[in-house]
C-alpha cells in the first residue's frame, strides 16, 4: 500500500534522483524541464528543506516513488534560496546552457510573468510542481497527493493557491476544475505557448 511522506531534505541521494528522473520523464515543457538532471536533484533537495516550500512524495511498499507534489509559499524566495545555497554545486551543470539563448529566454519568462499579471491579484502561494508516474494516472495517487495540499490550506497557513497549467494539459485542467479551482486568466508565459492560471481556495 502506498504512503505519502513529507520530505525534509535529509532523505537519501537516491530518493532525490528518483524524483528528478520522474520529473524529466513526466514534465517535458517549461523552464525546469530544460535544467540538467543534476540541477533538478539539488533543486528538489532544497525544496524539501526550505521553509518556503513543501514536498510530499507518494512511495509504494517497494520504495518506488510514484509521484510528488510541491507547494511553494513564495516561489521567488525559494529560487533565491536555491541559487544562494547551491550555486557552486550547480554551476558546472549550467555552463552548457550559458550559450543558449532559449535558456536565458526561459529564465526571463519565469521571472517576468508575475509582473505581467499584476492587474489581477494573485496568491503568493503556488502549486509549483505536481507529477504522477504515467502508469498510475487515474488510480488515485494524484488525489492523495493533492489532499495533502488541501490539508495545508485547511490549517490556515495558506489561504489560497495559484496553479499554472499548460495549454495542452487538458487532463490537469479538468482535475483542478473538478476540485474547485477557478480560472483567473490565460497568459503567454513561455513564448508561443498559452498558460492557464487558476486560483484554488479550500471549501
N, C-alpha and C. Protein backbone atom coordinates (compact mmCIF):
# COMPACT_ATOMS: atom_id res chain seq x y z
N UNK A 1 0.85 -1.20 0.00
CA UNK A 1 0.00 0.00 0.00
C UNK A 1 0.88 1.25 0.00
N UNK A 2 0.53 2.23 -0.80
CA UNK A 2 1.32 3.44 -0.91
C UNK A 2 1.16 4.32 0.33
N UNK A 3 2.18 5.11 0.61
CA UNK A 3 2.12 6.08 1.71
C UNK A 3 2.62 7.42 1.19
N UNK A 4 2.11 8.49 1.79
CA UNK A 4 2.53 9.84 1.43
C UNK A 4 3.45 10.36 2.52
N UNK A 5 4.65 10.77 2.15
CA UNK A 5 5.63 11.29 3.10
C UNK A 5 5.96 12.74 2.77
N UNK A 6 6.14 13.53 3.83
CA UNK A 6 6.62 14.91 3.68
C UNK A 6 8.14 14.87 3.79
N UNK A 7 8.83 15.17 2.70
CA UNK A 7 10.29 15.13 2.70
C UNK A 7 10.84 16.38 3.40
N UNK A 8 12.03 16.22 4.01
CA UNK A 8 12.61 17.31 4.80
C UNK A 8 14.01 17.70 4.35
N UNK A 9 14.51 17.09 3.29
CA UNK A 9 15.83 17.42 2.79
C UNK A 9 16.92 16.48 3.27
N UNK A 10 16.58 15.62 4.24
CA UNK A 10 17.57 14.71 4.82
C UNK A 10 17.48 13.30 4.24
N UNK A 11 16.60 13.10 3.28
CA UNK A 11 16.43 11.78 2.69
C UNK A 11 17.66 11.43 1.84
N UNK A 12 17.72 10.20 1.36
CA UNK A 12 18.89 9.72 0.63
C UNK A 12 19.03 10.40 -0.73
N UNK A 13 20.26 10.41 -1.23
CA UNK A 13 20.54 10.93 -2.57
C UNK A 13 19.70 10.20 -3.61
N UNK A 14 19.53 8.89 -3.39
CA UNK A 14 18.77 8.07 -4.34
C UNK A 14 17.32 8.55 -4.46
N UNK A 15 16.73 8.98 -3.34
CA UNK A 15 15.35 9.46 -3.37
C UNK A 15 15.20 10.69 -4.26
N UNK A 16 16.12 11.63 -4.11
CA UNK A 16 16.03 12.86 -4.90
C UNK A 16 16.37 12.61 -6.36
N UNK A 17 17.21 11.62 -6.62
CA UNK A 17 17.49 11.23 -8.01
C UNK A 17 16.24 10.64 -8.66
N UNK A 18 15.48 9.85 -7.89
CA UNK A 18 14.24 9.27 -8.41
C UNK A 18 13.22 10.36 -8.72
N UNK A 19 13.15 11.38 -7.85
CA UNK A 19 12.22 12.48 -8.06
C UNK A 19 12.60 13.26 -9.32
N UNK A 20 13.90 13.55 -9.46
CA UNK A 20 14.37 14.30 -10.63
C UNK A 20 14.12 13.51 -11.92
N UNK A 21 14.34 12.20 -11.87
CA UNK A 21 14.12 11.36 -13.04
C UNK A 21 12.64 11.33 -13.41
N UNK A 22 11.77 11.21 -12.42
CA UNK A 22 10.33 11.22 -12.68
C UNK A 22 9.91 12.55 -13.29
N UNK A 23 10.47 13.63 -12.79
CA UNK A 23 10.19 14.95 -13.37
C UNK A 23 10.59 14.99 -14.84
N UNK A 24 11.79 14.53 -15.14
CA UNK A 24 12.28 14.54 -16.52
C UNK A 24 11.40 13.71 -17.45
N UNK A 25 10.89 12.59 -16.93
CA UNK A 25 10.07 11.70 -17.75
C UNK A 25 8.66 12.22 -17.96
N UNK A 26 8.12 12.87 -16.94
CA UNK A 26 6.70 13.23 -16.97
C UNK A 26 6.42 14.68 -17.34
N UNK A 27 7.38 15.59 -17.08
CA UNK A 27 7.17 17.00 -17.36
C UNK A 27 8.20 17.43 -18.39
N UNK A 28 7.77 17.58 -19.63
CA UNK A 28 8.71 17.83 -20.72
C UNK A 28 8.77 19.30 -21.14
N UNK A 29 7.81 20.10 -20.69
CA UNK A 29 7.78 21.50 -21.07
C UNK A 29 8.11 22.41 -19.91
N UNK A 30 8.34 23.68 -20.20
CA UNK A 30 8.61 24.67 -19.16
C UNK A 30 10.09 24.83 -18.84
N UNK A 31 10.37 25.78 -17.97
CA UNK A 31 11.75 26.13 -17.63
C UNK A 31 12.48 25.00 -16.92
N UNK A 32 11.83 24.40 -15.90
CA UNK A 32 12.51 23.38 -15.10
C UNK A 32 12.90 22.17 -15.93
N UNK A 33 12.09 21.84 -16.92
CA UNK A 33 12.39 20.69 -17.77
C UNK A 33 13.66 20.90 -18.58
N UNK A 34 14.06 22.16 -18.74
CA UNK A 34 15.27 22.45 -19.51
C UNK A 34 16.54 22.32 -18.67
N UNK A 35 16.37 22.20 -17.36
CA UNK A 35 17.54 22.11 -16.48
C UNK A 35 18.17 20.72 -16.51
N UNK A 36 19.46 20.68 -16.25
CA UNK A 36 20.19 19.42 -16.17
C UNK A 36 19.62 18.56 -15.03
N UNK A 37 19.66 17.26 -15.22
CA UNK A 37 19.16 16.30 -14.23
C UNK A 37 19.78 16.55 -12.85
N UNK A 38 21.09 16.80 -12.79
CA UNK A 38 21.78 17.01 -11.52
C UNK A 38 21.31 18.30 -10.83
N UNK A 39 20.96 19.30 -11.62
CA UNK A 39 20.43 20.54 -11.05
C UNK A 39 19.06 20.29 -10.42
N UNK A 40 18.24 19.48 -11.09
CA UNK A 40 16.93 19.13 -10.54
C UNK A 40 17.05 18.38 -9.22
N UNK A 41 18.03 17.50 -9.12
CA UNK A 41 18.26 16.78 -7.86
C UNK A 41 18.47 17.77 -6.72
N UNK A 42 19.34 18.75 -6.94
CA UNK A 42 19.63 19.74 -5.91
C UNK A 42 18.45 20.66 -5.66
N UNK A 43 17.69 20.96 -6.71
CA UNK A 43 16.51 21.81 -6.55
C UNK A 43 15.48 21.13 -5.64
N UNK A 44 15.21 19.86 -5.88
CA UNK A 44 14.21 19.18 -5.06
C UNK A 44 14.69 18.96 -3.63
N UNK A 45 15.99 18.80 -3.43
CA UNK A 45 16.51 18.70 -2.07
C UNK A 45 16.31 20.04 -1.34
N UNK A 46 16.53 21.15 -2.07
CA UNK A 46 16.32 22.47 -1.49
C UNK A 46 14.84 22.70 -1.19
N UNK A 47 13.97 22.31 -2.12
CA UNK A 47 12.53 22.45 -1.92
C UNK A 47 12.08 21.73 -0.65
N UNK A 48 12.60 20.53 -0.43
CA UNK A 48 12.21 19.74 0.74
C UNK A 48 12.67 20.39 2.04
N UNK A 49 13.84 20.99 2.02
CA UNK A 49 14.42 21.54 3.25
C UNK A 49 13.99 22.98 3.52
N UNK A 50 13.47 23.67 2.52
CA UNK A 50 13.18 25.09 2.64
C UNK A 50 11.93 25.39 3.46
N UNK A 51 11.96 26.53 4.14
CA UNK A 51 10.77 26.99 4.87
C UNK A 51 9.77 27.65 3.93
N UNK A 52 10.16 27.83 2.66
CA UNK A 52 9.28 28.45 1.67
C UNK A 52 8.52 27.43 0.83
N UNK A 53 8.68 26.15 1.11
CA UNK A 53 8.04 25.15 0.26
C UNK A 53 7.86 23.83 1.01
N UNK A 54 7.02 22.97 0.45
CA UNK A 54 6.78 21.63 0.99
C UNK A 54 6.76 20.63 -0.15
N UNK A 55 7.32 19.47 0.09
CA UNK A 55 7.40 18.41 -0.92
C UNK A 55 6.82 17.12 -0.34
N UNK A 56 5.65 16.72 -0.86
CA UNK A 56 5.06 15.44 -0.47
C UNK A 56 5.33 14.42 -1.56
N UNK A 57 5.66 13.20 -1.13
CA UNK A 57 6.05 12.15 -2.07
C UNK A 57 5.23 10.89 -1.80
N UNK A 58 4.70 10.28 -2.87
CA UNK A 58 3.99 9.01 -2.77
C UNK A 58 4.97 7.88 -3.03
N UNK A 59 5.05 6.93 -2.08
CA UNK A 59 6.01 5.83 -2.17
C UNK A 59 5.29 4.51 -1.95
N UNK A 60 5.56 3.52 -2.82
CA UNK A 60 4.91 2.22 -2.64
C UNK A 60 5.71 1.34 -1.69
N UNK A 61 5.22 0.12 -1.44
CA UNK A 61 5.84 -0.78 -0.46
C UNK A 61 7.27 -1.17 -0.81
N UNK A 62 7.61 -1.09 -2.09
CA UNK A 62 8.95 -1.49 -2.53
C UNK A 62 9.89 -0.29 -2.63
N UNK A 63 9.42 0.87 -2.19
CA UNK A 63 10.26 2.06 -2.20
C UNK A 63 10.25 2.84 -3.50
N UNK A 64 9.37 2.45 -4.42
CA UNK A 64 9.28 3.19 -5.68
C UNK A 64 8.53 4.50 -5.48
N UNK A 65 9.08 5.58 -6.00
CA UNK A 65 8.41 6.87 -5.94
C UNK A 65 7.40 6.95 -7.07
N UNK A 66 6.12 7.05 -6.69
CA UNK A 66 5.02 7.03 -7.65
C UNK A 66 4.63 8.42 -8.13
N UNK A 67 4.92 9.43 -7.32
CA UNK A 67 4.55 10.79 -7.68
C UNK A 67 4.94 11.75 -6.57
N UNK A 68 4.81 13.04 -6.85
CA UNK A 68 5.14 14.05 -5.84
C UNK A 68 4.37 15.32 -6.15
N UNK A 69 4.27 16.17 -5.13
CA UNK A 69 3.61 17.47 -5.30
C UNK A 69 4.37 18.50 -4.48
N UNK A 70 4.52 19.70 -5.04
CA UNK A 70 5.27 20.77 -4.40
C UNK A 70 4.37 21.97 -4.17
N UNK A 71 4.28 22.40 -2.92
CA UNK A 71 3.57 23.63 -2.57
C UNK A 71 4.62 24.69 -2.24
N UNK A 72 4.61 25.77 -2.99
CA UNK A 72 5.55 26.87 -2.76
C UNK A 72 4.81 28.01 -2.06
N UNK A 73 5.35 28.47 -0.94
CA UNK A 73 4.77 29.60 -0.24
C UNK A 73 5.22 30.91 -0.85
N UNK A 74 6.41 30.90 -1.45
CA UNK A 74 6.93 32.06 -2.19
C UNK A 74 7.96 31.54 -3.17
N UNK A 75 7.58 31.45 -4.43
CA UNK A 75 8.46 30.87 -5.44
C UNK A 75 9.72 31.71 -5.64
N UNK A 76 9.58 33.03 -5.62
CA UNK A 76 10.75 33.89 -5.82
C UNK A 76 11.75 33.71 -4.69
N UNK A 77 11.28 33.65 -3.45
CA UNK A 77 12.18 33.46 -2.30
C UNK A 77 12.81 32.06 -2.34
N UNK A 78 12.04 31.08 -2.79
CA UNK A 78 12.56 29.72 -2.89
C UNK A 78 13.70 29.65 -3.90
N UNK A 79 13.51 30.24 -5.07
CA UNK A 79 14.55 30.22 -6.10
C UNK A 79 15.79 30.99 -5.67
N UNK A 80 15.60 32.10 -4.95
CA UNK A 80 16.75 32.85 -4.44
C UNK A 80 17.54 32.01 -3.44
N UNK A 81 16.83 31.31 -2.57
CA UNK A 81 17.49 30.44 -1.60
C UNK A 81 18.26 29.33 -2.31
N UNK A 82 17.66 28.77 -3.32
CA UNK A 82 18.31 27.70 -4.10
C UNK A 82 19.61 28.19 -4.73
N UNK A 83 19.56 29.37 -5.35
CA UNK A 83 20.75 29.90 -6.01
C UNK A 83 21.83 30.26 -5.00
N UNK A 84 21.45 30.80 -3.85
CA UNK A 84 22.43 31.16 -2.83
C UNK A 84 23.12 29.94 -2.22
N UNK A 85 22.34 28.90 -1.98
CA UNK A 85 22.87 27.73 -1.29
C UNK A 85 23.55 26.73 -2.22
N UNK A 86 23.10 26.68 -3.47
CA UNK A 86 23.56 25.61 -4.36
C UNK A 86 24.35 26.11 -5.57
N UNK A 87 24.66 27.40 -5.62
CA UNK A 87 25.28 27.95 -6.83
C UNK A 87 26.57 27.25 -7.21
N UNK A 88 27.42 26.94 -6.23
CA UNK A 88 28.70 26.29 -6.54
C UNK A 88 28.50 24.85 -7.02
N UNK A 89 27.50 24.18 -6.46
CA UNK A 89 27.23 22.79 -6.84
C UNK A 89 26.66 22.68 -8.24
N UNK A 90 25.79 23.63 -8.60
CA UNK A 90 25.09 23.50 -9.88
C UNK A 90 25.79 24.23 -11.02
N UNK A 91 26.77 25.08 -10.70
CA UNK A 91 27.43 25.87 -11.73
C UNK A 91 27.98 25.04 -12.89
N UNK A 92 28.69 23.93 -12.62
CA UNK A 92 29.22 23.14 -13.75
C UNK A 92 28.13 22.63 -14.70
N UNK A 93 26.93 22.39 -14.17
CA UNK A 93 25.86 21.85 -15.00
C UNK A 93 25.10 22.93 -15.74
N UNK A 94 25.31 24.19 -15.32
CA UNK A 94 24.67 25.31 -16.02
C UNK A 94 25.53 25.86 -17.15
N UNK A 95 26.83 25.53 -17.12
CA UNK A 95 27.75 26.08 -18.11
C UNK A 95 27.29 25.78 -19.53
N UNK A 96 26.82 24.56 -19.76
CA UNK A 96 26.40 24.18 -21.11
C UNK A 96 25.20 24.99 -21.59
N UNK A 97 24.45 25.57 -20.64
CA UNK A 97 23.28 26.36 -21.01
C UNK A 97 23.57 27.84 -21.20
N UNK A 98 24.77 28.26 -20.77
CA UNK A 98 25.08 29.68 -20.79
C UNK A 98 25.01 30.26 -22.20
N UNK A 99 25.42 29.48 -23.18
CA UNK A 99 25.43 29.99 -24.56
C UNK A 99 24.08 29.83 -25.25
N UNK A 100 23.12 29.27 -24.54
CA UNK A 100 21.82 29.02 -25.15
C UNK A 100 20.89 30.22 -24.95
N UNK A 101 20.48 30.84 -26.05
CA UNK A 101 19.56 31.97 -25.99
C UNK A 101 18.22 31.55 -25.40
N UNK A 102 17.78 30.32 -25.73
CA UNK A 102 16.49 29.85 -25.23
C UNK A 102 16.51 29.68 -23.72
N UNK A 103 17.67 29.33 -23.16
CA UNK A 103 17.79 29.17 -21.71
C UNK A 103 17.54 30.51 -21.01
N UNK A 104 18.20 31.58 -21.50
CA UNK A 104 18.02 32.90 -20.92
C UNK A 104 16.59 33.40 -21.14
N UNK A 105 16.02 33.05 -22.26
CA UNK A 105 14.65 33.45 -22.55
C UNK A 105 13.69 32.83 -21.54
N UNK A 106 13.90 31.56 -21.21
CA UNK A 106 13.02 30.89 -20.26
C UNK A 106 13.17 31.47 -18.87
N UNK A 107 14.40 31.82 -18.47
CA UNK A 107 14.60 32.46 -17.18
C UNK A 107 13.82 33.77 -17.13
N UNK A 108 13.95 34.57 -18.18
CA UNK A 108 13.25 35.85 -18.26
C UNK A 108 11.74 35.66 -18.17
N UNK A 109 11.23 34.68 -18.88
CA UNK A 109 9.79 34.44 -18.92
C UNK A 109 9.27 34.04 -17.54
N UNK A 110 10.00 33.20 -16.83
CA UNK A 110 9.57 32.75 -15.50
C UNK A 110 9.57 33.92 -14.52
N UNK A 111 10.58 34.80 -14.60
CA UNK A 111 10.70 35.90 -13.67
C UNK A 111 9.72 37.03 -13.97
N UNK A 112 9.39 37.23 -15.24
CA UNK A 112 8.58 38.38 -15.62
C UNK A 112 7.08 38.11 -15.54
N UNK A 113 6.65 36.83 -15.57
CA UNK A 113 5.20 36.60 -15.67
C UNK A 113 4.41 37.08 -14.46
N UNK A 114 4.95 37.02 -13.21
CA UNK A 114 4.16 37.58 -12.11
C UNK A 114 3.95 39.08 -12.26
N UNK A 115 4.94 39.79 -12.82
CA UNK A 115 4.82 41.23 -13.03
C UNK A 115 3.74 41.52 -14.06
N UNK A 116 3.72 40.73 -15.13
CA UNK A 116 2.73 40.93 -16.18
C UNK A 116 1.31 40.67 -15.68
N UNK A 117 1.18 39.92 -14.59
CA UNK A 117 -0.13 39.54 -14.07
C UNK A 117 -0.62 40.45 -12.95
N UNK A 118 0.08 41.56 -12.71
CA UNK A 118 -0.24 42.42 -11.58
C UNK A 118 -1.64 43.01 -11.64
N UNK A 119 -2.23 43.08 -12.82
CA UNK A 119 -3.57 43.66 -12.95
C UNK A 119 -4.62 42.84 -12.20
N UNK A 120 -4.34 41.56 -12.01
CA UNK A 120 -5.23 40.67 -11.27
C UNK A 120 -4.52 40.18 -10.03
N UNK A 121 -5.05 40.47 -8.83
CA UNK A 121 -4.40 39.99 -7.60
C UNK A 121 -4.31 38.47 -7.61
N UNK A 122 -3.14 37.96 -7.24
CA UNK A 122 -2.93 36.51 -7.23
C UNK A 122 -2.31 36.07 -5.91
N UNK A 123 -2.61 34.84 -5.50
CA UNK A 123 -1.98 34.32 -4.28
C UNK A 123 -0.47 34.21 -4.46
N UNK A 124 0.28 34.45 -3.39
CA UNK A 124 1.73 34.26 -3.45
C UNK A 124 2.07 32.77 -3.46
N UNK A 125 1.26 32.00 -2.76
CA UNK A 125 1.48 30.56 -2.71
C UNK A 125 1.12 29.93 -4.05
N UNK A 126 1.84 28.88 -4.41
CA UNK A 126 1.68 28.31 -5.74
C UNK A 126 1.89 26.80 -5.71
N UNK A 127 1.10 26.10 -6.50
CA UNK A 127 1.36 24.69 -6.74
C UNK A 127 2.47 24.64 -7.78
N UNK A 128 3.70 24.44 -7.31
CA UNK A 128 4.86 24.62 -8.17
C UNK A 128 5.07 23.44 -9.11
N UNK A 129 4.89 22.23 -8.60
CA UNK A 129 5.03 21.04 -9.44
C UNK A 129 4.14 19.92 -8.92
N UNK A 130 3.60 19.15 -9.84
CA UNK A 130 2.70 18.04 -9.49
C UNK A 130 2.92 16.97 -10.54
N UNK A 131 3.39 15.83 -10.12
CA UNK A 131 3.80 14.80 -11.09
C UNK A 131 3.43 13.41 -10.57
N UNK A 132 2.82 12.61 -11.43
CA UNK A 132 2.48 11.22 -11.10
C UNK A 132 3.00 10.32 -12.22
N UNK A 133 3.58 9.20 -11.87
CA UNK A 133 4.05 8.23 -12.86
C UNK A 133 2.93 7.93 -13.85
N UNK A 134 3.26 7.94 -15.12
CA UNK A 134 2.24 7.78 -16.16
C UNK A 134 1.42 6.51 -15.99
N UNK A 135 2.04 5.43 -15.52
CA UNK A 135 1.33 4.15 -15.37
C UNK A 135 0.32 4.17 -14.24
N UNK A 136 0.38 5.20 -13.37
CA UNK A 136 -0.50 5.25 -12.20
C UNK A 136 -1.54 6.36 -12.29
N UNK A 137 -1.56 7.08 -13.39
CA UNK A 137 -2.51 8.18 -13.52
C UNK A 137 -3.94 7.64 -13.61
N UNK A 138 -4.83 8.30 -12.89
CA UNK A 138 -6.22 7.86 -12.85
C UNK A 138 -6.50 6.80 -11.82
N UNK A 139 -5.50 6.47 -10.99
CA UNK A 139 -5.66 5.40 -9.99
C UNK A 139 -5.68 5.93 -8.56
N UNK A 140 -5.77 7.25 -8.41
CA UNK A 140 -5.92 7.84 -7.07
C UNK A 140 -4.67 8.42 -6.46
N UNK A 141 -3.51 8.19 -7.05
CA UNK A 141 -2.27 8.72 -6.48
C UNK A 141 -2.27 10.24 -6.48
N UNK A 142 -2.71 10.84 -7.59
CA UNK A 142 -2.76 12.29 -7.68
C UNK A 142 -3.71 12.90 -6.66
N UNK A 143 -4.86 12.26 -6.47
CA UNK A 143 -5.84 12.76 -5.50
C UNK A 143 -5.28 12.71 -4.08
N UNK A 144 -4.57 11.63 -3.76
CA UNK A 144 -3.96 11.51 -2.43
C UNK A 144 -2.93 12.60 -2.19
N UNK A 145 -2.14 12.89 -3.21
CA UNK A 145 -1.13 13.94 -3.07
C UNK A 145 -1.78 15.32 -2.93
N UNK A 146 -2.78 15.58 -3.76
CA UNK A 146 -3.44 16.88 -3.71
C UNK A 146 -4.15 17.10 -2.38
N UNK A 147 -4.62 16.02 -1.77
CA UNK A 147 -5.27 16.11 -0.46
C UNK A 147 -4.33 16.70 0.58
N UNK A 148 -3.04 16.40 0.47
CA UNK A 148 -2.06 16.95 1.41
C UNK A 148 -1.99 18.47 1.28
N UNK A 149 -2.10 18.96 0.07
CA UNK A 149 -2.12 20.41 -0.15
C UNK A 149 -3.40 21.00 0.46
N UNK A 150 -4.52 20.32 0.26
CA UNK A 150 -5.79 20.79 0.83
C UNK A 150 -5.72 20.84 2.36
N UNK A 151 -5.08 19.87 2.97
CA UNK A 151 -4.93 19.86 4.42
C UNK A 151 -4.12 21.06 4.89
N UNK A 152 -3.11 21.44 4.11
CA UNK A 152 -2.30 22.61 4.45
C UNK A 152 -3.15 23.87 4.36
N UNK A 153 -4.04 23.94 3.36
CA UNK A 153 -4.94 25.08 3.24
C UNK A 153 -5.91 25.13 4.42
N UNK A 154 -6.40 23.97 4.81
CA UNK A 154 -7.34 23.93 5.94
C UNK A 154 -6.67 24.35 7.25
N UNK A 155 -5.38 24.17 7.35
CA UNK A 155 -4.66 24.52 8.57
C UNK A 155 -4.61 26.04 8.77
N UNK A 156 -4.89 26.78 7.70
CA UNK A 156 -4.89 28.23 7.79
C UNK A 156 -3.55 28.87 7.48
N UNK A 157 -2.51 28.06 7.29
CA UNK A 157 -1.18 28.61 7.00
C UNK A 157 -1.16 29.22 5.60
N UNK A 158 -1.95 28.63 4.71
CA UNK A 158 -2.06 29.12 3.33
C UNK A 158 -3.54 29.38 3.05
N UNK A 159 -3.85 30.56 2.57
CA UNK A 159 -5.25 30.93 2.35
C UNK A 159 -5.77 30.47 0.99
N UNK A 160 -4.95 30.62 -0.03
CA UNK A 160 -5.34 30.23 -1.37
C UNK A 160 -4.09 29.91 -2.17
N UNK A 161 -4.31 29.36 -3.36
CA UNK A 161 -3.22 28.78 -4.12
C UNK A 161 -3.35 29.15 -5.59
N UNK A 162 -2.22 29.49 -6.19
CA UNK A 162 -2.16 29.72 -7.64
C UNK A 162 -1.70 28.43 -8.31
N UNK A 163 -2.33 28.09 -9.43
CA UNK A 163 -1.97 26.90 -10.19
C UNK A 163 -1.82 27.29 -11.65
N UNK A 164 -0.67 26.99 -12.24
CA UNK A 164 -0.41 27.31 -13.64
C UNK A 164 -0.31 26.01 -14.44
N UNK A 165 -1.10 25.91 -15.50
CA UNK A 165 -1.05 24.72 -16.35
C UNK A 165 -0.82 25.13 -17.81
N UNK A 166 -0.31 24.21 -18.58
CA UNK A 166 -0.05 24.47 -19.99
C UNK A 166 -1.29 24.32 -20.85
N UNK A 167 -1.21 24.88 -22.02
CA UNK A 167 -2.33 24.88 -22.97
C UNK A 167 -2.79 23.47 -23.31
N UNK A 168 -1.85 22.53 -23.40
CA UNK A 168 -2.17 21.16 -23.81
C UNK A 168 -2.45 20.22 -22.63
N UNK A 169 -2.40 20.74 -21.42
CA UNK A 169 -2.60 19.90 -20.23
C UNK A 169 -4.08 19.84 -19.86
N UNK A 170 -4.88 19.31 -20.77
CA UNK A 170 -6.32 19.27 -20.54
C UNK A 170 -6.68 18.37 -19.36
N UNK A 171 -5.96 17.28 -19.19
CA UNK A 171 -6.22 16.37 -18.07
C UNK A 171 -5.99 17.07 -16.74
N UNK A 172 -4.90 17.82 -16.65
CA UNK A 172 -4.59 18.56 -15.42
C UNK A 172 -5.65 19.63 -15.16
N UNK A 173 -6.05 20.35 -16.21
CA UNK A 173 -7.05 21.39 -16.02
C UNK A 173 -8.38 20.80 -15.56
N UNK A 174 -8.77 19.68 -16.14
CA UNK A 174 -10.01 19.02 -15.71
C UNK A 174 -9.92 18.59 -14.25
N UNK A 175 -8.75 18.09 -13.85
CA UNK A 175 -8.54 17.66 -12.46
C UNK A 175 -8.75 18.83 -11.51
N UNK A 176 -8.09 19.97 -11.80
CA UNK A 176 -8.18 21.13 -10.90
C UNK A 176 -9.57 21.73 -10.89
N UNK A 177 -10.22 21.77 -12.04
CA UNK A 177 -11.56 22.33 -12.11
C UNK A 177 -12.56 21.48 -11.33
N UNK A 178 -12.39 20.16 -11.38
CA UNK A 178 -13.26 19.27 -10.61
C UNK A 178 -13.05 19.45 -9.11
N UNK A 179 -11.83 19.84 -8.72
CA UNK A 179 -11.54 20.07 -7.30
C UNK A 179 -11.99 21.46 -6.86
N UNK A 180 -12.44 22.30 -7.80
CA UNK A 180 -12.98 23.61 -7.42
C UNK A 180 -12.12 24.80 -7.77
N UNK A 181 -11.03 24.61 -8.49
CA UNK A 181 -10.20 25.74 -8.90
C UNK A 181 -10.93 26.56 -9.96
N UNK A 182 -10.76 27.88 -9.91
CA UNK A 182 -11.40 28.73 -10.92
C UNK A 182 -10.34 29.48 -11.72
N UNK A 183 -10.61 29.63 -12.99
CA UNK A 183 -9.66 30.24 -13.92
C UNK A 183 -9.60 31.75 -13.71
N UNK A 184 -8.37 32.27 -13.50
CA UNK A 184 -8.16 33.70 -13.37
C UNK A 184 -7.92 34.36 -14.72
N UNK A 185 -7.02 33.75 -15.51
CA UNK A 185 -6.70 34.31 -16.82
C UNK A 185 -5.86 33.32 -17.61
N UNK A 186 -5.77 33.56 -18.90
CA UNK A 186 -4.81 32.84 -19.73
C UNK A 186 -3.72 33.82 -20.13
N UNK A 187 -2.50 33.31 -20.24
CA UNK A 187 -1.36 34.20 -20.47
C UNK A 187 -0.24 33.45 -21.16
N UNK A 188 0.47 34.13 -22.01
CA UNK A 188 1.63 33.53 -22.68
C UNK A 188 2.86 33.75 -21.81
N UNK A 189 3.15 32.77 -20.94
CA UNK A 189 4.34 32.86 -20.09
C UNK A 189 5.57 32.52 -20.90
N UNK A 190 5.53 31.34 -21.54
CA UNK A 190 6.61 30.94 -22.44
C UNK A 190 6.17 31.24 -23.88
N UNK A 191 7.05 31.85 -24.64
CA UNK A 191 6.72 32.32 -25.97
C UNK A 191 6.14 31.19 -26.83
N UNK A 192 4.98 31.47 -27.43
CA UNK A 192 4.34 30.51 -28.31
C UNK A 192 3.50 29.47 -27.60
N UNK A 193 3.35 29.61 -26.27
CA UNK A 193 2.56 28.63 -25.52
C UNK A 193 1.69 29.35 -24.49
N UNK A 194 0.39 29.10 -24.54
CA UNK A 194 -0.54 29.75 -23.63
C UNK A 194 -0.64 28.95 -22.33
N UNK A 195 -0.58 29.66 -21.21
CA UNK A 195 -0.76 29.04 -19.90
C UNK A 195 -2.10 29.45 -19.30
N UNK A 196 -2.70 28.53 -18.56
CA UNK A 196 -3.95 28.77 -17.85
C UNK A 196 -3.61 28.94 -16.37
N UNK A 197 -3.98 30.08 -15.80
CA UNK A 197 -3.65 30.38 -14.41
C UNK A 197 -4.93 30.31 -13.58
N UNK A 198 -4.93 29.41 -12.59
CA UNK A 198 -6.10 29.18 -11.73
C UNK A 198 -5.82 29.66 -10.32
N UNK A 199 -6.91 29.87 -9.59
CA UNK A 199 -6.82 30.08 -8.14
C UNK A 199 -7.65 29.00 -7.46
N UNK A 200 -7.08 28.43 -6.42
CA UNK A 200 -7.77 27.38 -5.67
C UNK A 200 -7.93 27.82 -4.22
N UNK A 201 -9.17 27.79 -3.74
CA UNK A 201 -9.48 28.10 -2.34
C UNK A 201 -10.17 26.89 -1.74
N UNK A 202 -9.82 26.57 -0.50
CA UNK A 202 -10.42 25.41 0.14
C UNK A 202 -11.88 25.70 0.48
N UNK A 203 -12.75 24.72 0.29
CA UNK A 203 -14.17 24.88 0.59
C UNK A 203 -14.43 24.71 2.08
